[in-house]
Amino acid sequence: MEIKQEEHHGAGVFYLENEGKRMGEMRYLIRHGVMNIYHTEVDPSLKGRNMGFKLVEAGVNYARQIDTKVLPTCPFAHSVFERTEAFRDVLADIDSP
């Protein structure tokens, strides 16, 4: 299983590919220096293998690489950030101007 990325004009996706088939994805938009993770979905056959977490982790690592913050509006991504203290360095402060 390989995680790949596509991005065009600030809209992107990290996706799981297995033998040419997409098995999951995490979609994001980058606007005003913030990466909004708005959708995460993984094929039910991958349940229990932490693939959703790995997609969010790929997004976090990318945010660090491009020096941006993350706003996890996707309920799954939001729950990952709540459970993973190591990701909080990229968490966007939605209260700042």
N, C-alpha and C. Protein backbone atom coordinates (compact mmCIF):
# COMPACT_ATOMS: atom_id res chain seq x y z
N MET A 1 0.86 -1.18 0.00
CA MET A 1 0.00 0.00 0.00
C MET A 1 0.89 1.23 0.00
N GLU A 2 0.64 2.13 -0.92
CA GLU A 2 1.46 3.31 -1.06
C GLU A 2 0.60 4.57 -0.90
N ILE A 3 1.15 5.58 -0.20
CA ILE A 3 0.47 6.86 -0.08
C ILE A 3 1.05 7.79 -1.13
N LYS A 4 0.17 8.35 -1.95
CA LYS A 4 0.57 9.28 -3.00
C LYS A 4 -0.12 10.61 -2.77
N GLN A 5 0.34 11.62 -3.48
CA GLN A 5 -0.23 12.96 -3.33
C GLN A 5 -0.41 13.61 -4.69
N GLU A 6 -1.50 14.34 -4.81
CA GLU A 6 -1.76 15.21 -5.96
C GLU A 6 -2.17 16.56 -5.42
N GLU A 7 -1.71 17.64 -6.07
CA GLU A 7 -2.12 18.98 -5.65
C GLU A 7 -2.14 19.89 -6.86
N HIS A 8 -3.19 20.68 -6.96
CA HIS A 8 -3.33 21.65 -8.05
C HIS A 8 -3.94 22.92 -7.48
N HIS A 9 -3.18 24.01 -7.52
CA HIS A 9 -3.66 25.33 -7.09
C HIS A 9 -4.21 25.32 -5.66
N GLY A 10 -3.53 24.62 -4.75
CA GLY A 10 -3.91 24.63 -3.35
C GLY A 10 -4.97 23.61 -2.96
N ALA A 11 -5.50 22.89 -3.93
CA ALA A 11 -6.46 21.81 -3.64
C ALA A 11 -5.72 20.49 -3.83
N GLY A 12 -5.77 19.64 -2.82
CA GLY A 12 -4.98 18.42 -2.94
C GLY A 12 -5.61 17.22 -2.26
N VAL A 13 -4.93 16.12 -2.47
CA VAL A 13 -5.37 14.85 -1.90
C VAL A 13 -4.15 13.97 -1.65
N PHE A 14 -4.14 13.33 -0.49
CA PHE A 14 -3.25 12.22 -0.23
C PHE A 14 -4.12 10.98 -0.37
N TYR A 15 -3.63 9.98 -1.08
CA TYR A 15 -4.47 8.81 -1.28
C TYR A 15 -3.66 7.52 -1.18
N LEU A 16 -4.37 6.47 -0.78
CA LEU A 16 -3.80 5.14 -0.68
C LEU A 16 -4.03 4.43 -2.00
N GLU A 17 -2.97 3.87 -2.54
CA GLU A 17 -3.10 3.15 -3.80
C GLU A 17 -2.56 1.75 -3.63
N ASN A 18 -3.33 0.79 -4.09
CA ASN A 18 -2.93 -0.61 -4.05
C ASN A 18 -3.23 -1.22 -5.41
N GLU A 19 -2.18 -1.61 -6.11
CA GLU A 19 -2.31 -2.22 -7.43
C GLU A 19 -3.16 -1.35 -8.36
N GLY A 20 -2.90 -0.03 -8.34
CA GLY A 20 -3.58 0.89 -9.23
C GLY A 20 -4.97 1.32 -8.79
N LYS A 21 -5.43 0.84 -7.65
CA LYS A 21 -6.78 1.17 -7.17
C LYS A 21 -6.68 2.07 -5.94
N ARG A 22 -7.47 3.15 -5.93
CA ARG A 22 -7.54 4.01 -4.74
C ARG A 22 -8.35 3.33 -3.65
N MET A 23 -7.70 3.23 -2.49
CA MET A 23 -8.33 2.54 -1.36
C MET A 23 -8.69 3.50 -0.23
N GLY A 24 -8.33 4.76 -0.39
CA GLY A 24 -8.64 5.75 0.63
C GLY A 24 -8.05 7.09 0.23
N GLU A 25 -8.58 8.15 0.86
CA GLU A 25 -8.07 9.47 0.53
C GLU A 25 -8.32 10.46 1.66
N MET A 26 -7.48 11.48 1.69
CA MET A 26 -7.65 12.61 2.59
C MET A 26 -7.53 13.87 1.74
N ARG A 27 -8.59 14.65 1.67
CA ARG A 27 -8.63 15.83 0.82
C ARG A 27 -8.40 17.09 1.65
N TYR A 28 -7.74 18.07 1.02
CA TYR A 28 -7.43 19.32 1.71
C TYR A 28 -7.43 20.49 0.74
N LEU A 29 -7.58 21.68 1.31
CA LEU A 29 -7.45 22.95 0.60
C LEU A 29 -6.45 23.80 1.37
N ILE A 30 -5.60 24.50 0.66
CA ILE A 30 -4.68 25.43 1.31
C ILE A 30 -5.09 26.84 0.89
N ARG A 31 -5.51 27.62 1.88
CA ARG A 31 -5.92 29.00 1.65
C ARG A 31 -5.38 29.86 2.78
N HIS A 32 -4.81 31.00 2.42
CA HIS A 32 -4.31 31.96 3.41
C HIS A 32 -3.34 31.31 4.40
N GLY A 33 -2.50 30.41 3.90
CA GLY A 33 -1.49 29.79 4.74
C GLY A 33 -1.99 28.72 5.68
N VAL A 34 -3.20 28.22 5.47
CA VAL A 34 -3.75 27.18 6.33
C VAL A 34 -4.24 26.01 5.47
N MET A 35 -3.86 24.82 5.87
CA MET A 35 -4.32 23.60 5.20
C MET A 35 -5.58 23.10 5.91
N ASN A 36 -6.69 23.15 5.22
CA ASN A 36 -7.96 22.66 5.76
C ASN A 36 -8.13 21.21 5.31
N ILE A 37 -8.01 20.28 6.25
CA ILE A 37 -8.31 18.87 5.95
C ILE A 37 -9.81 18.71 6.13
N TYR A 38 -10.52 18.52 5.02
CA TYR A 38 -11.98 18.53 5.08
C TYR A 38 -12.63 17.17 4.81
N HIS A 39 -11.86 16.18 4.39
CA HIS A 39 -12.48 14.88 4.11
C HIS A 39 -11.44 13.77 4.21
N THR A 40 -11.78 12.72 4.93
CA THR A 40 -10.94 11.52 5.00
C THR A 40 -11.85 10.31 4.88
N GLU A 41 -11.45 9.39 4.00
CA GLU A 41 -12.26 8.19 3.78
C GLU A 41 -11.33 7.04 3.41
N VAL A 42 -11.60 5.86 3.98
CA VAL A 42 -10.80 4.67 3.71
C VAL A 42 -11.74 3.51 3.40
N ASP A 43 -11.35 2.69 2.45
CA ASP A 43 -12.14 1.52 2.08
C ASP A 43 -12.39 0.65 3.31
N PRO A 44 -13.62 0.16 3.48
CA PRO A 44 -13.94 -0.66 4.66
C PRO A 44 -13.05 -1.90 4.81
N SER A 45 -12.50 -2.40 3.71
CA SER A 45 -11.62 -3.58 3.81
C SER A 45 -10.33 -3.29 4.57
N LEU A 46 -10.02 -2.01 4.79
CA LEU A 46 -8.80 -1.63 5.50
C LEU A 46 -9.06 -1.29 6.97
N LYS A 47 -10.27 -1.52 7.42
CA LYS A 47 -10.63 -1.20 8.80
C LYS A 47 -9.66 -1.86 9.78
N GLY A 48 -9.24 -1.06 10.78
CA GLY A 48 -8.36 -1.57 11.82
C GLY A 48 -6.88 -1.56 11.47
N ARG A 49 -6.52 -1.00 10.32
CA ARG A 49 -5.12 -0.99 9.89
C ARG A 49 -4.49 0.40 10.00
N ASN A 50 -5.19 1.34 10.63
CA ASN A 50 -4.69 2.71 10.87
C ASN A 50 -4.37 3.48 9.59
N MET A 51 -5.05 3.14 8.50
CA MET A 51 -4.76 3.80 7.24
C MET A 51 -5.28 5.25 7.23
N GLY A 52 -6.40 5.51 7.87
CA GLY A 52 -6.89 6.88 7.98
C GLY A 52 -5.89 7.74 8.75
N PHE A 53 -5.37 7.21 9.83
CA PHE A 53 -4.35 7.91 10.61
C PHE A 53 -3.13 8.21 9.74
N LYS A 54 -2.70 7.23 8.95
CA LYS A 54 -1.52 7.41 8.11
C LYS A 54 -1.73 8.50 7.06
N LEU A 55 -2.96 8.62 6.56
CA LEU A 55 -3.26 9.70 5.61
C LEU A 55 -3.16 11.06 6.29
N VAL A 56 -3.74 11.17 7.48
CA VAL A 56 -3.66 12.43 8.23
C VAL A 56 -2.20 12.73 8.57
N GLU A 57 -1.47 11.72 8.97
CA GLU A 57 -0.05 11.90 9.28
C GLU A 57 0.72 12.42 8.05
N ALA A 58 0.40 11.91 6.87
CA ALA A 58 1.05 12.39 5.64
C ALA A 58 0.74 13.88 5.44
N GLY A 59 -0.50 14.28 5.72
CA GLY A 59 -0.86 15.68 5.63
C GLY A 59 -0.11 16.54 6.63
N VAL A 60 0.03 16.05 7.84
CA VAL A 60 0.77 16.78 8.88
C VAL A 60 2.23 16.94 8.46
N ASN A 61 2.82 15.89 7.96
CA ASN A 61 4.22 15.97 7.53
C ASN A 61 4.39 16.94 6.37
N TYR A 62 3.43 16.97 5.47
CA TYR A 62 3.47 17.91 4.36
C TYR A 62 3.33 19.35 4.87
N ALA A 63 2.42 19.56 5.81
CA ALA A 63 2.24 20.89 6.40
C ALA A 63 3.54 21.37 7.04
N ARG A 64 4.23 20.49 7.72
CA ARG A 64 5.52 20.85 8.31
C ARG A 64 6.53 21.21 7.22
N GLN A 65 6.53 20.43 6.16
CA GLN A 65 7.47 20.65 5.06
C GLN A 65 7.27 22.01 4.39
N ILE A 66 6.00 22.41 4.23
CA ILE A 66 5.72 23.69 3.56
C ILE A 66 5.48 24.82 4.56
N ASP A 67 5.69 24.54 5.84
CA ASP A 67 5.57 25.53 6.91
C ASP A 67 4.20 26.20 6.95
N THR A 68 3.18 25.37 7.08
CA THR A 68 1.81 25.87 7.19
C THR A 68 1.11 25.19 8.37
N LYS A 69 0.00 25.74 8.77
CA LYS A 69 -0.79 25.17 9.86
C LYS A 69 -1.93 24.34 9.27
N VAL A 70 -2.54 23.51 10.12
CA VAL A 70 -3.62 22.62 9.70
C VAL A 70 -4.89 22.92 10.47
N LEU A 71 -5.98 23.02 9.75
CA LEU A 71 -7.31 23.15 10.34
C LEU A 71 -8.08 21.88 9.98
N PRO A 72 -8.23 20.96 10.94
CA PRO A 72 -8.90 19.69 10.64
C PRO A 72 -10.43 19.80 10.79
N THR A 73 -11.11 20.18 9.72
CA THR A 73 -12.58 20.29 9.79
C THR A 73 -13.27 18.95 9.55
N CYS A 74 -12.57 18.00 8.98
CA CYS A 74 -13.09 16.64 8.84
C CYS A 74 -13.19 16.03 10.24
N PRO A 75 -14.33 15.45 10.59
CA PRO A 75 -14.48 14.87 11.94
C PRO A 75 -13.41 13.83 12.28
N PHE A 76 -13.05 12.99 11.31
CA PHE A 76 -12.02 11.99 11.59
C PHE A 76 -10.67 12.66 11.85
N ALA A 77 -10.27 13.57 10.98
CA ALA A 77 -8.99 14.26 11.16
C ALA A 77 -8.98 15.03 12.49
N HIS A 78 -10.09 15.65 12.82
CA HIS A 78 -10.20 16.37 14.09
C HIS A 78 -9.95 15.42 15.27
N SER A 79 -10.53 14.23 15.21
CA SER A 79 -10.35 13.26 16.30
C SER A 79 -8.89 12.79 16.37
N VAL A 80 -8.23 12.66 15.22
CA VAL A 80 -6.82 12.28 15.21
C VAL A 80 -5.99 13.36 15.92
N PHE A 81 -6.27 14.63 15.62
CA PHE A 81 -5.53 15.71 16.27
C PHE A 81 -5.79 15.74 17.77
N GLU A 82 -7.01 15.44 18.18
CA GLU A 82 -7.31 15.41 19.62
C GLU A 82 -6.54 14.32 20.33
N ARG A 83 -6.31 13.19 19.67
CA ARG A 83 -5.63 12.04 20.28
C ARG A 83 -4.12 12.06 20.11
N THR A 84 -3.59 12.91 19.23
CA THR A 84 -2.17 12.84 18.88
C THR A 84 -1.46 14.15 19.21
N GLU A 85 -0.90 14.20 20.38
CA GLU A 85 -0.23 15.42 20.84
C GLU A 85 0.92 15.82 19.90
N ALA A 86 1.58 14.86 19.30
CA ALA A 86 2.72 15.15 18.41
C ALA A 86 2.33 15.94 17.17
N PHE A 87 1.04 16.03 16.86
CA PHE A 87 0.58 16.78 15.69
C PHE A 87 0.20 18.22 16.03
N ARG A 88 0.14 18.54 17.30
CA ARG A 88 -0.39 19.85 17.71
C ARG A 88 0.48 21.03 17.31
N ASP A 89 1.75 20.78 16.95
CA ASP A 89 2.61 21.88 16.52
C ASP A 89 2.13 22.51 15.22
N VAL A 90 1.34 21.79 14.44
CA VAL A 90 0.83 22.35 13.17
C VAL A 90 -0.64 22.73 13.26
N LEU A 91 -1.25 22.55 14.40
CA LEU A 91 -2.68 22.85 14.56
C LEU A 91 -2.91 24.34 14.47
N ALA A 92 -3.80 24.75 13.57
CA ALA A 92 -4.11 26.17 13.39
C ALA A 92 -4.87 26.70 14.59
N ASP A 93 -4.53 27.92 15.00
CA ASP A 93 -5.24 28.60 16.06
C ASP A 93 -6.37 29.39 15.42
N ILE A 94 -7.58 28.85 15.49
CA ILE A 94 -8.70 29.48 14.78
C ILE A 94 -9.15 30.77 15.44
N ASP A 95 -8.66 31.06 16.64
CA ASP A 95 -9.05 32.30 17.32
C ASP A 95 -8.15 33.48 16.98
N SER A 96 -7.01 33.18 16.29
CA SER A 96 -6.10 34.30 15.98
C SER A 96 -6.61 35.08 14.77
N PRO A 97 -6.33 36.39 14.72
CA PRO A 97 -6.86 37.23 13.64
C PRO A 97 -6.28 36.88 12.30
